[in-house]
Amino acid sequence: MKNASATILYNKPLTSGYYKLGLGWKNKGVRPGHFVMLRVSGGSDPLLRRALGVYDVLRRGQGIELIYKVVGKGTTILSNMEKGECLDVLGPLGNGFKKLKTPEKLIMVAGGVGLAPFFMLAKEHAKHGAKFLMGLRTKAEAKILGDIKATGIKVLCSTDDGTLGTRGFVTDLLKKEVKKDSIVYACGPMGMLKSVAMVAKEAGACCYVSLEGAMACGIGVCLGCAVKTYGASHKPGDTTYNMVCTDGPVFNSEDILWDELG
């Protein structure tokens, strides 16, 4: 982990408020599921950094690529920044997704900007028969899938309005694809992750989720991203708290007390 200034290489609008950000930021050891904390302002407004999942590592490790969606003041400021400007970057952070011995059994499930941690995995596992399930609001958002589709991985989509793929939730697709020996990796809104965990459990499949907890520091100091989890015994009453930033963001879905997350 390091804290350093990074130069913006590009900050491209994709579609429906989504952007692709390239940063000249040399760092070794970035894995799928890692994230970075960006400071988008030199002042106190906004005060806190923004956590963004690493989408890709640029050629020869000369930088990283991030995907983000404009949802508030911080990401609005970020979307208006231009090539050549600098950002303060802390990372890589988090535990990331485990490397699989059976990648052909992998099913990735993403909702919206939750696709960010899966591009590197898709490039690595497309030839092994892994699958990628994506939940979108409408067909207009599908442009963010361009890189994923280019890997050759099998992509299945659901949209809220039925304009692309299956109408409904991405978990409806998962119910059709998941098997007992499947390994499910998921990232997206908390409600989606809870549903994914339930579907995987019903199928008897292993499931790991990347939580999108609100983080202030990214290093486990502020305790703002604590989630309640089961202890080692998994018995009633045996619970503890883990930090999304340092103990996660990737967790075994069966370790999480989903009803405690709201």
Protein backbone atom coordinates (compact mmCIF):
# COMPACT_ATOMS: atom_id res chain seq x y z
CA MET A 1 0.00 0.00 0.00
CA LYS A 2 1.20 3.49 -0.79
CA ASN A 3 -0.10 7.04 -0.82
CA ALA A 4 1.00 9.02 -3.86
CA SER A 5 -0.02 11.59 -6.43
CA ALA A 6 -1.34 10.17 -9.69
CA THR A 7 -1.73 11.96 -13.02
CA ILE A 8 -4.99 11.60 -14.89
CA LEU A 9 -4.32 9.94 -18.26
CA TYR A 10 -7.94 10.08 -19.40
CA ASN A 11 -11.38 10.57 -17.89
CA LYS A 12 -13.85 9.32 -20.48
CA PRO A 13 -17.64 9.49 -20.23
CA LEU A 14 -19.16 6.13 -21.15
CA THR A 15 -22.93 6.26 -20.73
CA SER A 16 -25.66 7.22 -18.24
CA GLY A 17 -23.29 8.90 -15.79
CA TYR A 18 -20.57 6.22 -15.97
CA TYR A 19 -16.93 7.19 -16.53
CA LYS A 20 -13.66 5.38 -17.18
CA LEU A 21 -10.67 6.92 -15.43
CA GLY A 22 -7.04 6.14 -16.25
CA LEU A 23 -4.37 7.06 -13.71
CA GLY A 24 -0.61 7.09 -14.13
CA TRP A 25 0.08 5.34 -10.84
CA LYS A 26 2.73 2.63 -10.65
CA ASN A 27 1.98 -0.03 -8.09
CA LYS A 28 2.71 -3.74 -7.98
CA GLY A 29 0.48 -6.46 -6.65
CA VAL A 30 -2.96 -5.16 -7.71
CA ARG A 31 -5.44 -8.05 -7.80
CA PRO A 32 -9.11 -8.38 -8.77
CA GLY A 33 -11.19 -7.03 -5.91
CA HIS A 34 -8.65 -4.48 -4.70
CA PHE A 35 -9.72 -0.85 -4.41
CA VAL A 36 -8.13 2.57 -3.99
CA MET A 37 -9.12 5.69 -2.06
CA LEU A 38 -9.10 8.92 -4.07
CA ARG A 39 -8.96 12.44 -2.71
CA VAL A 40 -10.79 14.55 -5.27
CA SER A 41 -10.30 17.94 -3.61
CA GLY A 42 -7.35 19.73 -2.06
CA GLY A 43 -9.68 21.41 0.44
CA SER A 44 -12.16 20.20 3.02
CA ASP A 45 -15.22 19.91 0.76
CA PRO A 46 -15.59 17.04 0.25
CA LEU A 47 -13.41 16.05 3.16
CA LEU A 48 -13.37 12.28 2.75
CA ARG A 49 -11.78 10.19 0.04
CA ARG A 50 -13.83 8.14 -2.41
CA ALA A 51 -13.38 4.36 -2.60
CA LEU A 52 -13.25 2.96 -6.14
CA GLY A 53 -12.62 -0.63 -7.23
CA VAL A 54 -9.69 -1.24 -9.56
CA TYR A 55 -11.01 -2.12 -13.01
CA ASP A 56 -7.74 -2.92 -14.76
CA VAL A 57 -3.96 -2.57 -14.60
CA LEU A 58 -2.50 -0.67 -17.54
CA ARG A 59 0.25 -2.07 -19.73
CA ARG A 60 3.58 -2.75 -18.04
CA GLY A 61 2.09 -1.68 -14.71
CA GLN A 62 2.28 1.99 -15.61
CA GLY A 63 -1.09 2.78 -14.08
CA ILE A 64 -4.58 1.63 -13.23
CA GLU A 65 -8.04 2.03 -14.68
CA LEU A 66 -11.19 2.72 -12.68
CA ILE A 67 -14.90 2.74 -13.51
CA TYR A 68 -17.18 5.04 -11.53
CA LYS A 69 -20.65 6.52 -11.65
CA VAL A 70 -21.56 10.09 -10.77
CA VAL A 71 -23.76 9.89 -7.67
CA GLY A 72 -22.76 12.83 -5.46
CA LYS A 73 -20.46 15.80 -4.92
CA GLY A 74 -17.20 13.82 -4.91
CA THR A 75 -17.85 11.91 -8.11
CA THR A 76 -19.24 15.06 -9.77
CA ILE A 77 -15.95 16.83 -9.05
CA LEU A 78 -14.07 13.80 -10.34
CA SER A 79 -16.07 13.72 -13.58
CA ASN A 80 -15.04 17.31 -14.34
CA MET A 81 -11.32 16.67 -13.91
CA GLU A 82 -9.18 16.54 -17.05
CA LYS A 83 -6.12 14.85 -18.45
CA GLY A 84 -2.94 16.08 -16.74
CA GLU A 85 -4.57 16.96 -13.41
CA CYS A 86 -3.42 15.07 -10.33
CA LEU A 87 -5.22 13.04 -7.69
CA ASP A 88 -4.03 11.79 -4.32
CA VAL A 89 -4.33 7.97 -4.33
CA LEU A 90 -4.09 5.51 -1.45
CA GLY A 91 -3.88 1.80 -2.25
CA PRO A 92 -4.14 -0.90 -3.30
CA LEU A 93 -6.45 -1.80 -0.43
CA GLY A 94 -8.55 -4.79 0.58
CA ASN A 95 -8.18 -8.55 0.35
CA GLY A 96 -9.43 -9.09 -3.21
CA PHE A 97 -10.97 -12.22 -4.71
CA LYS A 98 -9.21 -15.56 -4.25
CA LYS A 99 -7.47 -17.16 -7.21
CA LEU A 100 -9.48 -20.21 -8.24
CA LYS A 101 -8.33 -23.74 -8.94
CA THR A 102 -11.58 -24.40 -10.85
CA PRO A 103 -12.25 -21.18 -12.83
CA GLU A 104 -14.68 -22.99 -15.11
CA LYS A 105 -17.15 -23.05 -12.22
CA LEU A 106 -17.02 -19.29 -11.66
CA ILE A 107 -20.15 -17.16 -12.03
CA MET A 108 -19.62 -13.41 -11.64
CA VAL A 109 -22.69 -11.37 -10.71
CA ALA A 110 -22.62 -7.58 -10.99
CA GLY A 111 -25.06 -4.75 -10.56
CA GLY A 112 -24.25 -1.38 -12.15
CA VAL A 113 -20.80 -0.11 -11.27
CA GLY A 114 -20.31 -3.39 -9.37
CA LEU A 115 -18.77 -4.75 -12.57
CA ALA A 116 -15.51 -2.92 -11.72
CA PRO A 117 -13.69 -5.75 -9.88
CA PHE A 118 -14.55 -8.34 -12.54
CA PHE A 119 -12.84 -7.16 -15.73
CA MET A 120 -9.45 -8.61 -14.78
CA LEU A 121 -11.14 -11.86 -13.75
CA ALA A 122 -13.08 -11.97 -17.04
CA LYS A 123 -9.85 -11.58 -19.04
CA GLU A 124 -8.24 -14.36 -17.05
CA HIS A 125 -11.11 -16.84 -16.98
CA ALA A 126 -13.10 -16.29 -20.19
CA LYS A 127 -11.33 -19.19 -21.93
CA HIS A 128 -12.14 -21.49 -19.02
CA GLY A 129 -15.90 -21.17 -19.38
CA ALA A 130 -16.65 -18.71 -16.58
CA LYS A 131 -19.87 -16.69 -16.84
CA PHE A 132 -20.72 -13.05 -16.23
CA LEU A 133 -24.22 -11.97 -15.18
CA MET A 134 -25.05 -8.26 -15.27
CA GLY A 135 -27.98 -6.34 -13.88
CA LEU A 136 -28.77 -2.97 -15.48
CA ARG A 137 -31.63 -0.52 -15.31
CA THR A 138 -31.99 -0.21 -19.07
CA LYS A 139 -30.29 -1.02 -22.38
CA ALA A 140 -28.81 2.49 -22.48
CA GLU A 141 -26.35 1.46 -19.76
CA ALA A 142 -25.04 -1.53 -21.72
CA LYS A 143 -22.07 0.37 -23.13
CA ILE A 144 -20.21 -0.24 -19.88
CA LEU A 145 -20.15 -3.93 -20.82
CA GLY A 146 -18.01 -3.39 -23.93
CA ASP A 147 -14.72 -4.46 -22.37
CA ILE A 148 -16.24 -7.45 -20.60
CA LYS A 149 -17.85 -8.73 -23.82
CA ALA A 150 -14.59 -8.27 -25.72
CA THR A 151 -12.93 -10.88 -23.50
CA GLY A 152 -15.18 -13.53 -25.03
CA ILE A 153 -16.74 -14.50 -21.72
CA LYS A 154 -20.37 -15.62 -21.71
CA VAL A 155 -22.42 -12.55 -20.74
CA LEU A 156 -26.06 -12.65 -19.65
CA CYS A 157 -27.98 -9.45 -18.87
CA SER A 158 -31.12 -8.47 -17.05
CA THR A 159 -32.71 -5.03 -17.19
CA ASP A 160 -35.37 -3.44 -15.03
CA ASP A 161 -37.38 -2.39 -18.09
CA GLY A 162 -36.74 -5.43 -20.29
CA THR A 163 -34.97 -3.45 -23.04
CA LEU A 164 -31.99 -5.83 -22.94
CA GLY A 165 -31.81 -9.48 -22.01
CA THR A 166 -34.22 -10.75 -19.38
CA ARG A 167 -36.64 -8.39 -17.72
CA GLY A 168 -36.23 -8.47 -13.95
CA PHE A 169 -33.42 -8.98 -11.49
CA VAL A 170 -29.97 -10.41 -12.12
CA THR A 171 -30.72 -12.97 -9.42
CA ASP A 172 -33.35 -14.44 -11.75
CA LEU A 173 -30.51 -15.23 -14.15
CA LEU A 174 -28.41 -16.64 -11.33
CA LYS A 175 -31.18 -19.06 -10.32
CA LYS A 176 -31.01 -20.58 -13.81
CA GLU A 177 -27.21 -20.78 -13.99
CA VAL A 178 -26.05 -21.67 -10.48
CA LYS A 179 -25.26 -25.27 -9.53
CA LYS A 180 -24.12 -26.93 -6.34
CA ASP A 181 -20.48 -26.87 -7.46
CA SER A 182 -20.60 -23.26 -8.71
CA ILE A 183 -18.45 -20.53 -7.20
CA VAL A 184 -20.27 -17.21 -7.16
CA TYR A 185 -18.47 -13.86 -6.97
CA ALA A 186 -20.75 -10.83 -6.64
CA CYS A 187 -20.48 -7.06 -6.36
CA GLY A 188 -23.22 -4.47 -6.41
CA PRO A 189 -25.89 -2.83 -4.24
CA MET A 190 -26.41 -4.37 -0.81
CA GLY A 191 -29.94 -5.57 -1.58
CA MET A 192 -28.68 -7.40 -4.66
CA LEU A 193 -25.84 -9.00 -2.72
CA LYS A 194 -28.22 -10.25 -0.04
CA SER A 195 -30.42 -11.84 -2.73
CA VAL A 196 -27.40 -13.38 -4.47
CA ALA A 197 -26.28 -14.88 -1.16
CA MET A 198 -29.73 -16.42 -0.63
CA VAL A 199 -29.84 -17.91 -4.14
CA ALA A 200 -26.36 -19.38 -3.78
CA LYS A 201 -27.17 -20.83 -0.36
CA GLU A 202 -30.33 -22.48 -1.67
CA ALA A 203 -28.30 -24.06 -4.47
CA GLY A 204 -25.56 -25.19 -2.08
CA ALA A 205 -22.97 -23.09 -3.94
CA CYS A 206 -20.03 -21.17 -2.50
CA CYS A 207 -20.55 -17.42 -2.66
CA TYR A 208 -18.21 -14.50 -2.05
CA VAL A 209 -19.43 -10.90 -2.08
CA SER A 210 -17.56 -7.63 -2.42
CA LEU A 211 -19.31 -5.15 -0.13
CA GLU A 212 -19.69 -1.50 -1.05
CA GLY A 213 -19.46 -0.16 2.49
CA ALA A 214 -19.18 3.59 3.12
CA MET A 215 -15.50 4.14 3.91
CA ALA A 216 -13.83 7.20 5.39
CA CYS A 217 -10.22 6.10 5.86
CA GLY A 218 -9.78 2.80 3.99
CA ILE A 219 -7.31 1.45 6.57
CA GLY A 220 -9.52 0.30 9.45
CA VAL A 221 -8.96 3.28 11.74
CA CYS A 222 -12.27 5.16 11.61
CA LEU A 223 -14.46 2.04 12.10
CA GLY A 224 -17.07 3.56 9.81
CA CYS A 225 -17.42 0.53 7.57
CA ALA A 226 -17.96 -2.13 10.25
CA VAL A 227 -20.21 -5.07 9.35
CA LYS A 228 -21.53 -7.67 11.75
CA THR A 229 -20.38 -11.20 11.00
CA TYR A 230 -20.56 -14.64 12.53
CA GLY A 231 -17.70 -15.86 14.70
CA ALA A 232 -15.67 -18.96 13.94
CA SER A 233 -18.30 -21.32 15.38
CA HIS A 234 -21.21 -19.79 13.43
CA LYS A 235 -23.40 -20.53 16.44
CA PRO A 236 -26.19 -18.16 17.54
CA GLY A 237 -24.73 -15.40 19.65
CA ASP A 238 -21.21 -15.93 18.35
CA THR A 239 -20.80 -12.71 16.39
CA THR A 240 -18.17 -10.09 15.82
CA TYR A 241 -17.49 -7.03 13.67
CA ASN A 242 -15.25 -6.81 10.63
CA MET A 243 -14.11 -3.80 8.65
CA VAL A 244 -15.05 -3.76 4.97
CA CYS A 245 -11.84 -1.91 4.11
CA THR A 246 -9.30 -4.15 5.86
CA ASP A 247 -11.05 -7.48 6.47
CA GLY A 248 -12.84 -7.23 3.12
CA PRO A 249 -14.22 -5.95 0.90
CA VAL A 250 -14.61 -9.60 -0.15
CA PHE A 251 -16.40 -11.84 2.35
CA ASN A 252 -17.83 -15.31 2.34
CA SER A 253 -21.55 -14.57 2.08
CA GLU A 254 -22.36 -17.06 4.84
CA ASP A 255 -20.25 -15.10 7.32
CA ILE A 256 -22.41 -11.98 7.07
CA LEU A 257 -25.44 -11.22 9.21
CA TRP A 258 -27.45 -9.82 6.32
CA ASP A 259 -30.43 -8.75 8.41
CA GLU A 260 -28.10 -6.48 10.43
CA LEU A 261 -27.14 -4.49 7.32
CA GLY A 262 -30.55 -2.93 6.77
